[in-house]
Amino acid sequence: MATLLSMKLKPSRNILENTESIRRKIILQSSLPASNFSRSKEEKAVRILSKSKTDLGIVHKRSNTEVNCDGGGEKKVKICASLVGDYGTSSDSD
């Protein structure tokens, strides 16, 4: 029984592939640029995510731009984290 349940609950793709697929759907269905995440775009994201049956998670991605973190020196680091989750439970009233 446990083996059957674990096979049934196991996602067919990993979290990174699922998150990227959902991210592309959100961006393609929006008329706004990805940098302008407005209320209407958030509502579209909620509709897409509510229809999705995949597991979501936090995905860390490398950015093309670099930011000097210490204000000086030669080492430059840019950490770009994309959080994908349940936007429907947000209590924000914007």
N, C-alpha and C. Protein backbone atom coordinates (compact mmCIF):
# COMPACT_ATOMS: atom_id res chain seq x y z
N MET A 1 0.82 -1.20 0.00
CA MET A 1 0.00 0.00 0.00
C MET A 1 0.86 1.26 0.00
N ALA A 2 1.91 1.27 0.84
CA ALA A 2 2.79 2.45 0.90
C ALA A 2 3.50 2.67 -0.42
N THR A 3 3.91 1.58 -1.07
CA THR A 3 4.57 1.71 -2.37
C THR A 3 3.62 2.29 -3.40
N LEU A 4 2.40 1.85 -3.40
CA LEU A 4 1.40 2.36 -4.33
C LEU A 4 1.16 3.85 -4.10
N LEU A 5 1.04 4.26 -2.84
CA LEU A 5 0.83 5.67 -2.54
C LEU A 5 2.02 6.52 -2.94
N SER A 6 3.24 6.03 -2.67
CA SER A 6 4.41 6.82 -3.03
C SER A 6 4.54 6.95 -4.54
N MET A 7 4.15 5.93 -5.30
CA MET A 7 4.19 6.03 -6.75
C MET A 7 3.14 7.01 -7.25
N LYS A 8 1.99 7.02 -6.61
CA LYS A 8 0.91 7.91 -7.03
C LYS A 8 1.22 9.37 -6.68
N LEU A 9 1.88 9.61 -5.57
CA LEU A 9 2.18 10.97 -5.12
C LEU A 9 3.45 11.54 -5.74
N LYS A 10 4.28 10.69 -6.33
CA LYS A 10 5.54 11.16 -6.89
C LYS A 10 5.28 12.00 -8.15
N PRO A 11 5.80 13.22 -8.21
CA PRO A 11 5.58 14.04 -9.40
C PRO A 11 6.31 13.46 -10.60
N SER A 12 5.74 13.67 -11.78
CA SER A 12 6.35 13.12 -12.99
C SER A 12 7.58 13.92 -13.42
N ARG A 13 7.67 15.18 -13.00
CA ARG A 13 8.83 16.01 -13.31
C ARG A 13 9.36 16.60 -12.02
N ASN A 14 10.58 17.07 -12.04
CA ASN A 14 11.13 17.65 -10.82
C ASN A 14 10.59 19.06 -10.60
N ILE A 15 10.84 19.62 -9.43
CA ILE A 15 10.30 20.93 -9.06
C ILE A 15 10.78 22.03 -10.00
N LEU A 16 12.03 21.97 -10.42
CA LEU A 16 12.57 23.00 -11.31
C LEU A 16 11.81 23.02 -12.64
N GLU A 17 11.58 21.86 -13.23
CA GLU A 17 10.84 21.80 -14.50
C GLU A 17 9.41 22.28 -14.32
N ASN A 18 8.76 21.88 -13.23
CA ASN A 18 7.39 22.31 -12.96
C ASN A 18 7.31 23.81 -12.80
N THR A 19 8.21 24.38 -12.02
CA THR A 19 8.20 25.81 -11.76
C THR A 19 8.45 26.59 -13.04
N GLU A 20 9.41 26.16 -13.85
CA GLU A 20 9.69 26.85 -15.12
C GLU A 20 8.49 26.78 -16.06
N SER A 21 7.84 25.64 -16.11
CA SER A 21 6.67 25.48 -16.98
C SER A 21 5.55 26.42 -16.56
N ILE A 22 5.28 26.50 -15.27
CA ILE A 22 4.23 27.38 -14.76
C ILE A 22 4.62 28.84 -14.95
N ARG A 23 5.90 29.17 -14.74
CA ARG A 23 6.38 30.54 -14.93
C ARG A 23 6.16 30.98 -16.38
N ARG A 24 6.47 30.10 -17.34
CA ARG A 24 6.27 30.43 -18.75
C ARG A 24 4.79 30.65 -19.05
N LYS A 25 3.91 29.83 -18.48
CA LYS A 25 2.47 29.99 -18.69
C LYS A 25 1.99 31.35 -18.17
N ILE A 26 2.48 31.73 -16.99
CA ILE A 26 2.07 33.00 -16.39
C ILE A 26 2.51 34.16 -17.27
N ILE A 27 3.76 34.14 -17.71
CA ILE A 27 4.29 35.24 -18.52
C ILE A 27 3.59 35.30 -19.88
N LEU A 28 3.33 34.15 -20.50
CA LEU A 28 2.69 34.13 -21.81
C LEU A 28 1.25 34.63 -21.76
N GLN A 29 0.55 34.40 -20.66
CA GLN A 29 -0.84 34.81 -20.56
C GLN A 29 -1.00 36.25 -20.10
N SER A 30 0.08 36.92 -19.80
CA SER A 30 0.01 38.30 -19.33
C SER A 30 0.45 39.25 -20.44
N SER A 31 -0.17 40.39 -20.50
CA SER A 31 0.24 41.41 -21.47
C SER A 31 1.28 42.35 -20.87
N LEU A 32 1.59 42.17 -19.60
CA LEU A 32 2.55 43.03 -18.92
C LEU A 32 3.93 42.41 -18.91
N PRO A 33 4.98 43.24 -18.87
CA PRO A 33 6.34 42.68 -18.73
C PRO A 33 6.49 41.98 -17.39
N ALA A 34 7.41 41.03 -17.32
CA ALA A 34 7.61 40.25 -16.10
C ALA A 34 8.03 41.12 -14.92
N SER A 35 8.65 42.26 -15.17
CA SER A 35 9.12 43.11 -14.08
C SER A 35 7.98 43.90 -13.44
N ASN A 36 6.85 44.03 -14.11
CA ASN A 36 5.71 44.78 -13.57
C ASN A 36 4.63 43.80 -13.11
N PHE A 37 4.80 43.25 -11.92
CA PHE A 37 3.86 42.25 -11.41
C PHE A 37 2.73 42.96 -10.70
N SER A 38 1.70 43.33 -11.46
CA SER A 38 0.58 44.09 -10.91
C SER A 38 -0.50 43.17 -10.35
N ARG A 39 -1.55 43.76 -9.83
CA ARG A 39 -2.66 43.00 -9.25
C ARG A 39 -3.34 42.12 -10.31
N SER A 40 -3.53 42.67 -11.51
CA SER A 40 -4.19 41.88 -12.56
C SER A 40 -3.34 40.69 -12.97
N LYS A 41 -2.02 40.89 -13.02
CA LYS A 41 -1.14 39.78 -13.36
C LYS A 41 -1.14 38.75 -12.24
N GLU A 42 -1.20 39.21 -10.99
CA GLU A 42 -1.26 38.27 -9.87
C GLU A 42 -2.54 37.44 -9.92
N GLU A 43 -3.65 38.06 -10.30
CA GLU A 43 -4.90 37.32 -10.42
C GLU A 43 -4.82 36.27 -11.52
N LYS A 44 -4.16 36.61 -12.63
CA LYS A 44 -3.96 35.62 -13.70
C LYS A 44 -3.08 34.48 -13.19
N ALA A 45 -2.06 34.82 -12.40
CA ALA A 45 -1.17 33.80 -11.84
C ALA A 45 -1.94 32.87 -10.91
N VAL A 46 -2.85 33.43 -10.11
CA VAL A 46 -3.67 32.61 -9.21
C VAL A 46 -4.51 31.63 -10.00
N ARG A 47 -5.11 32.09 -11.10
CA ARG A 47 -5.94 31.20 -11.92
C ARG A 47 -5.10 30.08 -12.53
N ILE A 48 -3.91 30.41 -13.03
CA ILE A 48 -3.05 29.40 -13.64
C ILE A 48 -2.58 28.40 -12.58
N LEU A 49 -2.15 28.91 -11.42
CA LEU A 49 -1.65 28.03 -10.37
C LEU A 49 -2.75 27.15 -9.79
N SER A 50 -3.97 27.68 -9.71
CA SER A 50 -5.06 26.88 -9.17
C SER A 50 -5.44 25.74 -10.11
N LYS A 51 -5.21 25.90 -11.41
CA LYS A 51 -5.48 24.84 -12.38
C LYS A 51 -4.36 23.81 -12.43
N SER A 52 -3.19 24.19 -11.94
CA SER A 52 -2.02 23.32 -12.03
C SER A 52 -2.09 22.23 -10.97
N LYS A 53 -1.65 21.04 -11.32
CA LYS A 53 -1.63 19.91 -10.39
C LYS A 53 -0.20 19.57 -9.96
N THR A 54 0.74 20.45 -10.19
CA THR A 54 2.15 20.15 -9.94
C THR A 54 2.62 20.71 -8.61
N ASP A 55 3.70 20.15 -8.08
CA ASP A 55 4.32 20.66 -6.86
C ASP A 55 5.14 21.89 -7.22
N LEU A 56 5.14 22.86 -6.31
CA LEU A 56 5.89 24.09 -6.53
C LEU A 56 6.93 24.24 -5.44
N GLY A 57 7.95 25.02 -5.72
CA GLY A 57 8.99 25.23 -4.72
C GLY A 57 9.75 26.50 -5.00
N ILE A 58 10.79 26.72 -4.22
CA ILE A 58 11.66 27.88 -4.42
C ILE A 58 12.76 27.48 -5.38
N VAL A 59 12.99 28.31 -6.38
CA VAL A 59 14.01 28.03 -7.39
C VAL A 59 15.02 29.16 -7.37
N HIS A 60 16.28 28.81 -7.19
CA HIS A 60 17.34 29.81 -7.25
C HIS A 60 17.91 29.80 -8.66
N LYS A 61 17.95 30.97 -9.29
CA LYS A 61 18.43 31.07 -10.66
C LYS A 61 19.58 32.06 -10.72
N ARG A 62 20.51 31.80 -11.62
CA ARG A 62 21.60 32.74 -11.84
C ARG A 62 21.09 33.87 -12.72
N SER A 63 21.55 35.06 -12.45
CA SER A 63 21.14 36.22 -13.21
C SER A 63 22.24 36.61 -14.18
N ASN A 64 21.86 37.25 -15.28
CA ASN A 64 22.85 37.72 -16.24
C ASN A 64 23.59 38.95 -15.73
N THR A 65 22.96 39.71 -14.86
CA THR A 65 23.60 40.90 -14.32
C THR A 65 24.29 40.57 -13.01
N GLU A 66 25.33 41.32 -12.71
CA GLU A 66 26.06 41.10 -11.46
C GLU A 66 25.98 42.36 -10.61
N VAL A 67 25.89 42.17 -9.32
CA VAL A 67 25.83 43.27 -8.37
C VAL A 67 26.99 43.13 -7.41
N ASN A 68 27.71 44.21 -7.18
CA ASN A 68 28.83 44.19 -6.25
C ASN A 68 28.25 44.26 -4.84
N CYS A 69 28.33 43.18 -4.08
CA CYS A 69 27.67 43.08 -2.78
C CYS A 69 28.37 43.87 -1.68
N ASP A 70 29.69 43.96 -1.73
CA ASP A 70 30.42 44.60 -0.63
C ASP A 70 30.76 46.06 -0.91
N GLY A 71 30.30 46.62 -2.00
CA GLY A 71 30.55 48.02 -2.29
C GLY A 71 31.94 48.28 -2.85
N GLY A 72 32.79 47.33 -2.89
CA GLY A 72 34.14 47.49 -3.42
C GLY A 72 34.74 46.14 -3.67
N GLY A 73 35.88 46.11 -4.28
CA GLY A 73 36.50 44.82 -4.57
C GLY A 73 36.10 44.29 -5.92
N GLU A 74 36.61 43.13 -6.24
CA GLU A 74 36.39 42.57 -7.57
C GLU A 74 35.34 41.47 -7.60
N LYS A 75 35.05 40.87 -6.47
CA LYS A 75 34.10 39.75 -6.46
C LYS A 75 32.68 40.28 -6.54
N LYS A 76 31.94 39.79 -7.52
CA LYS A 76 30.56 40.22 -7.71
C LYS A 76 29.64 39.01 -7.62
N VAL A 77 28.57 39.14 -6.86
CA VAL A 77 27.64 38.03 -6.67
C VAL A 77 26.23 38.56 -6.85
N LYS A 78 25.43 37.81 -7.55
CA LYS A 78 24.01 38.14 -7.70
C LYS A 78 23.21 36.89 -7.40
N ILE A 79 22.34 36.96 -6.41
CA ILE A 79 21.46 35.84 -6.09
C ILE A 79 20.05 36.26 -6.47
N CYS A 80 19.45 35.46 -7.31
CA CYS A 80 18.10 35.75 -7.79
C CYS A 80 17.21 34.58 -7.42
N ALA A 81 16.35 34.77 -6.45
CA ALA A 81 15.45 33.69 -6.02
C ALA A 81 14.05 33.97 -6.52
N SER A 82 13.44 32.99 -7.13
CA SER A 82 12.06 33.10 -7.59
C SER A 82 11.21 32.24 -6.67
N LEU A 83 10.26 32.85 -6.00
CA LEU A 83 9.37 32.11 -5.12
C LEU A 83 8.05 31.90 -5.84
N VAL A 84 7.70 30.65 -6.01
CA VAL A 84 6.43 30.31 -6.64
C VAL A 84 5.61 29.56 -5.62
N GLY A 85 4.42 30.02 -5.35
CA GLY A 85 3.60 29.35 -4.35
C GLY A 85 2.14 29.68 -4.52
N ASP A 86 1.39 29.55 -3.46
CA ASP A 86 -0.04 29.77 -3.50
C ASP A 86 -0.33 31.24 -3.28
N TYR A 87 -0.57 31.97 -4.36
CA TYR A 87 -0.89 33.38 -4.25
C TYR A 87 -2.34 33.60 -3.80
N GLY A 88 -3.16 32.58 -3.89
CA GLY A 88 -4.57 32.71 -3.55
C GLY A 88 -4.83 32.95 -2.08
N THR A 89 -3.88 32.63 -1.20
CA THR A 89 -4.10 32.81 0.23
C THR A 89 -3.59 34.16 0.72
N SER A 90 -3.14 35.00 -0.18
CA SER A 90 -2.60 36.31 0.21
C SER A 90 -3.71 37.19 0.76
N SER A 91 -3.41 37.89 1.86
CA SER A 91 -4.40 38.78 2.45
C SER A 91 -4.14 40.23 2.07
N ASP A 92 -3.25 40.45 1.11
CA ASP A 92 -2.91 41.79 0.65
C ASP A 92 -4.10 42.38 -0.10
N SER A 93 -4.45 43.62 0.19
CA SER A 93 -5.63 44.23 -0.42
C SER A 93 -5.26 45.30 -1.43
N ASP A 94 -4.14 45.15 -2.14
CA ASP A 94 -3.73 46.14 -3.15
C ASP A 94 -4.69 46.19 -4.30
